[in-house]
């Protein structure tokens, strides 16, 4: 069964979705996807995700520990795994991630994988920036990306 809960945070509402004991989606300011069997319900895992996200936004948590079920192409899966290696408070360019996964010319494809990241914040696509250091693309909007990076910068020392 697919369960979800929408929770307000300082950056906006996050919809957290769980299926079969794993987090499958965390989306910012988006209504939950309609699914035949989606139920608005706070499970113990969703409550744990809310707790960890709250701690993150308060600067008390730098690494998430949640079971995830992310499905995508092999390229997207490699990209998302690479995103999880970016340390709290640091950034990497799309080119850095492309090189890390062994496809140095796939910067744009890395950008599309970022765009399709189903588990925002926990899989930190907000830590990926342009090669010149500029903020580029974020599903939640660049002001929220800036907020997340500023939050991590403030608490990383």
Protein backbone atom coordinates (compact mmCIF):
# COMPACT_ATOMS: atom_id res chain seq x y z
CA UNK A 1 0.00 0.00 0.00
CA UNK A 2 1.22 3.52 -0.82
CA UNK A 3 0.96 5.87 2.17
CA UNK A 4 1.77 9.56 2.30
CA UNK A 5 1.80 12.57 4.53
CA UNK A 6 2.28 16.22 3.60
CA UNK A 7 4.19 18.21 6.20
CA UNK A 8 4.96 21.94 6.30
CA UNK A 9 8.59 22.98 6.77
CA UNK A 10 10.28 26.37 6.53
CA UNK A 11 10.99 25.84 2.81
CA UNK A 12 7.46 24.68 1.98
CA UNK A 13 5.36 21.55 2.17
CA UNK A 14 7.06 18.21 1.71
CA UNK A 15 5.01 15.19 0.68
CA UNK A 16 6.62 12.02 1.98
CA UNK A 17 5.50 8.74 0.43
CA UNK A 18 6.15 5.21 1.65
CA UNK A 19 5.49 1.86 0.06
CA UNK A 20 6.35 -1.53 1.51
CA UNK A 21 8.48 -0.12 4.33
CA UNK A 22 10.60 2.17 2.15
CA UNK A 23 10.48 5.84 1.24
CA UNK A 24 9.67 6.13 -2.46
CA UNK A 25 9.11 9.89 -2.82
CA UNK A 26 9.78 13.16 -1.10
CA UNK A 27 8.47 16.04 -3.15
CA UNK A 28 8.47 19.74 -2.41
CA UNK A 29 5.32 21.84 -2.82
CA UNK A 30 3.66 19.25 -5.02
CA UNK A 31 0.44 17.41 -4.32
CA UNK A 32 0.87 13.65 -3.90
CA UNK A 33 0.64 11.70 -7.09
CA UNK A 34 -2.74 10.17 -7.53
CA UNK A 35 -2.62 6.45 -7.13
CA UNK A 36 -5.50 4.06 -6.86
CA UNK A 37 -4.38 2.79 -3.49
CA UNK A 38 -2.68 5.89 -2.03
CA UNK A 39 -3.74 6.54 1.54
CA UNK A 40 -3.01 9.63 3.60
CA UNK A 41 -1.55 7.99 6.67
CA UNK A 42 1.42 8.54 8.94
CA UNK A 43 3.29 5.27 9.26
CA UNK A 44 6.18 4.78 11.67
CA UNK A 45 8.59 5.19 8.73
CA UNK A 46 6.95 8.42 7.58
CA UNK A 47 7.12 9.68 11.19
CA UNK A 48 10.84 8.81 11.24
CA UNK A 49 11.35 10.64 7.94
CA UNK A 50 9.57 13.70 9.37
CA UNK A 51 11.76 13.50 12.47
CA UNK A 52 14.97 13.27 10.43
CA UNK A 53 13.89 16.09 8.10
CA UNK A 54 13.05 18.27 11.11
CA UNK A 55 16.48 17.58 12.59
CA UNK A 56 18.07 18.40 9.20
CA UNK A 57 16.28 21.76 9.00
CA UNK A 58 17.36 22.54 12.57
CA UNK A 59 21.00 21.78 11.70
CA UNK A 60 21.13 18.71 13.96
CA UNK A 61 21.27 16.04 11.21
CA UNK A 62 23.78 15.92 8.39
CA UNK A 63 23.26 12.37 7.10
CA UNK A 64 19.90 10.68 6.58
CA UNK A 65 19.31 7.07 7.52
CA UNK A 66 16.09 6.02 5.80
CA UNK A 67 15.33 2.94 3.70
CA UNK A 68 14.75 4.13 0.14
CA UNK A 69 13.19 2.48 -2.89
CA UNK A 70 14.15 4.54 -5.90
CA UNK A 71 13.46 3.15 -9.32
CA UNK A 72 14.95 4.48 -12.50
CA UNK A 73 17.24 3.67 -15.38
CA UNK A 74 20.70 2.31 -14.54
CA UNK A 75 22.15 5.73 -15.42
CA UNK A 76 19.77 7.53 -13.06
CA UNK A 77 20.44 5.04 -10.29
CA UNK A 78 24.22 5.58 -10.63
CA UNK A 79 23.69 9.33 -10.62
CA UNK A 80 21.50 9.25 -7.52
CA UNK A 81 24.03 7.05 -5.71
CA UNK A 82 26.73 9.59 -6.59
CA UNK A 83 24.59 12.41 -5.20
CA UNK A 84 24.45 10.63 -1.86
CA UNK A 85 28.27 10.86 -1.63
CA UNK A 86 28.32 14.68 -1.72
CA UNK A 87 29.16 15.73 1.85
CA UNK A 88 26.82 17.98 3.81
CA UNK A 89 27.69 21.62 3.22
CA UNK A 90 29.59 20.93 -0.01
CA UNK A 91 28.66 21.11 -3.68
CA UNK A 92 29.68 19.35 -6.87
CA UNK A 93 29.16 20.33 -10.48
CA UNK A 94 27.18 18.32 -12.99
CA UNK A 95 30.53 17.56 -14.65
CA UNK A 96 31.97 16.30 -11.37
CA UNK A 97 29.08 13.87 -11.01
CA UNK A 98 29.36 12.78 -14.66
CA UNK A 99 33.06 12.03 -14.15
CA UNK A 100 32.37 10.25 -10.86
CA UNK A 101 29.98 7.81 -12.55
CA UNK A 102 32.43 7.22 -15.42
CA UNK A 103 30.58 9.19 -18.10
CA UNK A 104 32.43 12.51 -18.31
CA UNK A 105 30.43 13.83 -21.27
CA UNK A 106 27.03 13.14 -19.70
CA UNK A 107 26.60 16.47 -17.86
CA UNK A 108 23.16 17.12 -19.34
CA UNK A 109 22.01 13.59 -18.59
CA UNK A 110 23.18 14.08 -15.00
CA UNK A 111 21.04 17.23 -14.94
CA UNK A 112 18.01 15.26 -16.11
CA UNK A 113 18.65 12.55 -13.53
CA UNK A 114 18.82 15.29 -10.90
CA UNK A 115 15.55 16.71 -12.15
CA UNK A 116 13.95 13.29 -11.80
CA UNK A 117 15.31 12.57 -8.33
CA UNK A 118 12.29 11.12 -6.50
CA UNK A 119 13.63 11.71 -2.98
CA UNK A 120 14.47 15.40 -2.63
CA UNK A 121 16.77 16.57 0.17
CA UNK A 122 17.53 13.03 1.40
CA UNK A 123 19.23 12.41 -1.96
CA UNK A 124 20.85 15.84 -2.13
CA UNK A 125 20.39 16.99 -5.71
CA UNK A 126 20.36 20.55 -4.32
CA UNK A 127 24.14 20.19 -3.82
CA UNK A 128 24.77 20.06 -7.58
CA UNK A 129 25.68 23.38 -9.21
CA UNK A 130 26.93 24.69 -12.52
CA UNK A 131 30.60 24.32 -13.47
CA UNK A 132 31.07 28.06 -12.89
CA UNK A 133 29.65 27.80 -9.36
CA UNK A 134 26.25 29.20 -10.30
CA UNK A 135 22.96 27.81 -9.07
CA UNK A 136 21.21 26.04 -11.89
CA UNK A 137 17.98 24.12 -12.03
CA UNK A 138 16.11 22.80 -9.03
CA UNK A 139 12.63 21.30 -9.03
CA UNK A 140 11.71 23.32 -5.95
CA UNK A 141 13.03 26.53 -7.51
CA UNK A 142 16.38 28.28 -7.16
CA UNK A 143 15.39 30.29 -4.05
CA UNK A 144 14.77 27.01 -2.18
CA UNK A 145 18.01 25.54 -3.50
CA UNK A 146 19.80 28.61 -2.14
CA UNK A 147 18.01 28.19 1.23
CA UNK A 148 19.11 24.56 1.50
CA UNK A 149 22.72 25.36 0.60
CA UNK A 150 22.77 28.32 3.01
CA UNK A 151 21.32 26.16 5.78
CA UNK A 152 24.04 23.55 5.25
CA UNK A 153 26.76 26.19 5.08
CA UNK A 154 25.54 27.72 8.35
CA UNK A 155 25.61 24.39 10.21
CA UNK A 156 28.60 22.69 8.53
CA UNK A 157 31.28 24.32 10.65
